[in-house]
Amino acid sequence: MKTHSYTRILQWGECDPAGIIFFPNYLRWMADGVDQMFLAEGIDPNAAVAPGTRSGIPIVQLSMRFLGAPRLHETVIHQISVERLGGKSLTLHHRFLCGENLLAEADETRVWATFKSPENSGLNPARIPDRIRAMLAPETGNPPDTTGDKEEE
């Protein structure tokens, strides 16, 4: 499955008074990283999919484990891998490293959804489009795992 990696330097505004990362920044980095992963492939996951309709990939489940903390100006590697690709949802695994040291890791499940804009009438789960499915699982010919997609059971 797809893996995306990038580096970032821990900035002053991302630190707590002790000079280490303020933990909610990991969550912001996760959101930024997923967006970067899609944009690097030329796909805007929040784009208009039809007149008056936009897409999005909201988080429906998240777990995170903290193992260490980077300090101000240290370089952090953020790795994102697609662990499961369902019909309407995907599970991503995040790893944050400083050198070889694992700082934190997280698993998140996101749902591919559409919503009417600008009235924002609520999210409607939708099948992950084939071109996005191909981008997320380029090296596998396996059918998607839909066991976690309650809408399809």
Protein backbone atom coordinates (compact mmCIF):
# COMPACT_ATOMS: atom_id res chain seq x y z
CA MET A 1 0.00 0.00 0.00
CA LYS A 2 0.97 3.65 -0.36
CA THR A 3 3.60 5.23 1.93
CA HIS A 4 4.36 8.95 2.14
CA SER A 5 7.21 10.51 4.12
CA TYR A 6 8.46 14.03 4.71
CA THR A 7 10.56 15.93 7.25
CA ARG A 8 9.85 19.02 9.29
CA ILE A 9 11.75 21.06 11.87
CA LEU A 10 10.09 21.60 15.24
CA GLN A 11 9.40 25.34 15.51
CA TRP A 12 9.14 27.62 18.58
CA GLY A 13 5.35 27.93 18.33
CA GLU A 14 4.99 24.12 18.40
CA CYS A 15 6.80 23.72 21.74
CA ASP A 16 5.62 23.78 25.34
CA PRO A 17 7.55 25.81 27.98
CA ALA A 18 10.06 22.94 28.40
CA GLY A 19 11.08 23.29 24.74
CA ILE A 20 9.57 19.98 23.62
CA ILE A 21 6.68 19.40 21.26
CA PHE A 22 3.24 20.32 22.58
CA PHE A 23 1.46 17.02 21.90
CA PRO A 24 -1.59 18.37 19.96
CA ASN A 25 0.84 19.38 17.21
CA TYR A 26 1.22 15.72 16.30
CA LEU A 27 -2.48 15.73 15.38
CA ARG A 28 -2.06 18.87 13.29
CA TRP A 29 0.94 17.30 11.57
CA MET A 30 -1.17 14.21 10.84
CA ALA A 31 -3.86 16.32 9.15
CA ASP A 32 -1.23 18.31 7.22
CA GLY A 33 0.62 15.13 6.22
CA VAL A 34 -2.47 13.39 4.85
CA ASP A 35 -3.29 16.50 2.84
CA GLN A 36 0.31 16.62 1.53
CA MET A 37 0.16 12.92 0.62
CA PHE A 38 -2.90 13.48 -1.58
CA LEU A 39 -1.68 16.79 -3.03
CA ALA A 40 1.68 15.19 -3.97
CA GLU A 41 -0.33 12.86 -6.22
CA GLY A 42 -2.28 15.75 -7.75
CA ILE A 43 -5.47 15.02 -5.79
CA ASP A 44 -7.24 17.56 -3.59
CA PRO A 45 -9.25 15.46 -1.09
CA ASN A 46 -11.44 18.50 -0.33
CA ALA A 47 -12.20 19.42 -3.92
CA ALA A 48 -15.52 20.04 -5.59
CA VAL A 49 -16.77 16.76 -7.09
CA ALA A 50 -19.88 18.25 -8.70
CA PRO A 51 -21.49 21.69 -8.76
CA GLY A 52 -22.34 22.51 -5.14
CA THR A 53 -20.82 19.27 -3.78
CA ARG A 54 -17.40 18.86 -2.15
CA SER A 55 -15.50 15.83 -0.88
CA GLY A 56 -13.64 15.33 2.37
CA ILE A 57 -12.03 12.63 4.50
CA PRO A 58 -13.02 13.18 8.12
CA ILE A 59 -11.49 11.11 10.92
CA VAL A 60 -13.91 8.69 12.57
CA GLN A 61 -11.44 6.83 14.80
CA LEU A 62 -8.02 7.70 16.23
CA SER A 63 -5.54 6.11 18.61
CA MET A 64 -2.09 7.44 19.45
CA ARG A 65 0.90 6.33 21.49
CA PHE A 66 3.62 8.71 22.70
CA LEU A 67 7.14 7.36 23.20
CA GLY A 68 9.39 10.42 23.13
CA ALA A 69 9.44 14.11 22.38
CA PRO A 70 11.52 16.15 19.95
CA ARG A 71 13.09 19.39 21.12
CA LEU A 72 13.11 22.81 19.52
CA HIS A 73 14.69 22.81 16.04
CA GLU A 74 15.09 19.03 15.82
CA THR A 75 14.15 17.41 12.52
CA VAL A 76 11.19 15.06 12.67
CA ILE A 77 10.40 12.48 10.00
CA HIS A 78 6.69 11.85 9.52
CA GLN A 79 5.81 8.59 7.75
CA ILE A 80 2.25 7.81 6.66
CA SER A 81 1.22 4.43 5.33
CA VAL A 82 -2.12 3.17 4.08
CA GLU A 83 -2.86 0.10 6.20
CA ARG A 84 -6.37 -0.74 5.00
CA LEU A 85 -8.37 0.41 2.03
CA GLY A 86 -12.09 -0.29 2.28
CA GLY A 87 -14.95 0.62 0.00
CA LYS A 88 -15.73 3.91 1.79
CA SER A 89 -12.99 4.15 4.42
CA LEU A 90 -9.24 3.89 4.84
CA THR A 91 -6.96 3.32 7.80
CA LEU A 92 -3.66 5.18 7.98
CA HIS A 93 -0.66 4.51 10.22
CA HIS A 94 1.55 7.45 11.23
CA ARG A 95 5.09 7.23 12.60
CA PHE A 96 7.08 10.20 13.90
CA LEU A 97 10.85 9.71 14.18
CA CYS A 98 13.84 11.76 15.24
CA GLY A 99 16.73 9.94 13.62
CA GLU A 100 16.12 6.27 14.48
CA ASN A 101 14.09 7.08 17.61
CA LEU A 102 10.35 6.49 17.36
CA LEU A 103 8.64 9.45 19.04
CA ALA A 104 4.98 8.64 18.47
CA GLU A 105 2.73 6.52 16.32
CA ALA A 106 -0.95 6.70 15.54
CA ASP A 107 -3.67 4.87 13.66
CA GLU A 108 -6.61 6.73 12.19
CA THR A 109 -9.63 5.68 10.18
CA ARG A 110 -11.07 8.17 7.73
CA VAL A 111 -14.25 8.02 5.68
CA TRP A 112 -14.50 9.29 2.13
CA ALA A 113 -17.48 11.63 2.19
CA THR A 114 -19.28 14.31 0.24
CA PHE A 115 -21.29 17.28 1.43
CA LYS A 116 -23.32 20.05 -0.14
CA SER A 117 -21.70 23.48 -0.01
CA PRO A 118 -22.20 26.17 1.03
CA GLU A 119 -25.15 24.95 3.13
CA ASN A 120 -23.06 22.07 4.58
CA SER A 121 -26.00 19.71 4.95
CA GLY A 122 -23.94 17.00 6.63
CA LEU A 123 -21.48 14.40 5.42
CA ASN A 124 -22.56 11.49 3.26
CA PRO A 125 -20.17 8.50 3.12
CA ALA A 126 -19.26 7.69 -0.47
CA ARG A 127 -17.27 5.02 -2.27
CA ILE A 128 -13.60 5.96 -2.62
CA PRO A 129 -13.21 6.91 -6.31
CA ASP A 130 -11.27 4.42 -8.45
CA ARG A 131 -8.52 6.90 -9.39
CA ILE A 132 -7.90 7.62 -5.68
CA ARG A 133 -8.05 3.92 -4.86
CA ALA A 134 -5.38 3.30 -7.53
CA MET A 135 -3.18 6.04 -6.00
CA LEU A 136 -3.51 4.60 -2.48
CA ALA A 137 -2.83 0.98 -3.45
CA PRO A 138 -0.62 1.17 -6.57
CA GLU A 139 1.43 -1.96 -6.00
CA THR A 140 -1.35 -4.35 -5.06
CA GLY A 141 -3.96 -6.04 -7.19
CA ASN A 142 -5.88 -7.18 -4.12
CA PRO A 143 -9.56 -6.30 -3.82
CA PRO A 144 -10.36 -3.71 -1.12
CA ASP A 145 -11.05 -4.85 2.43
CA THR A 146 -14.62 -3.74 3.11
CA THR A 147 -14.99 -5.53 6.45
CA GLY A 148 -14.77 -2.23 8.33
CA ASP A 149 -17.27 -0.37 6.15
CA LYS A 150 -20.59 -0.74 7.97
CA GLU A 151 -22.44 0.97 5.14
CA GLU A 152 -21.58 -1.95 2.84
CA GLU A 153 -22.34 -4.87 5.13
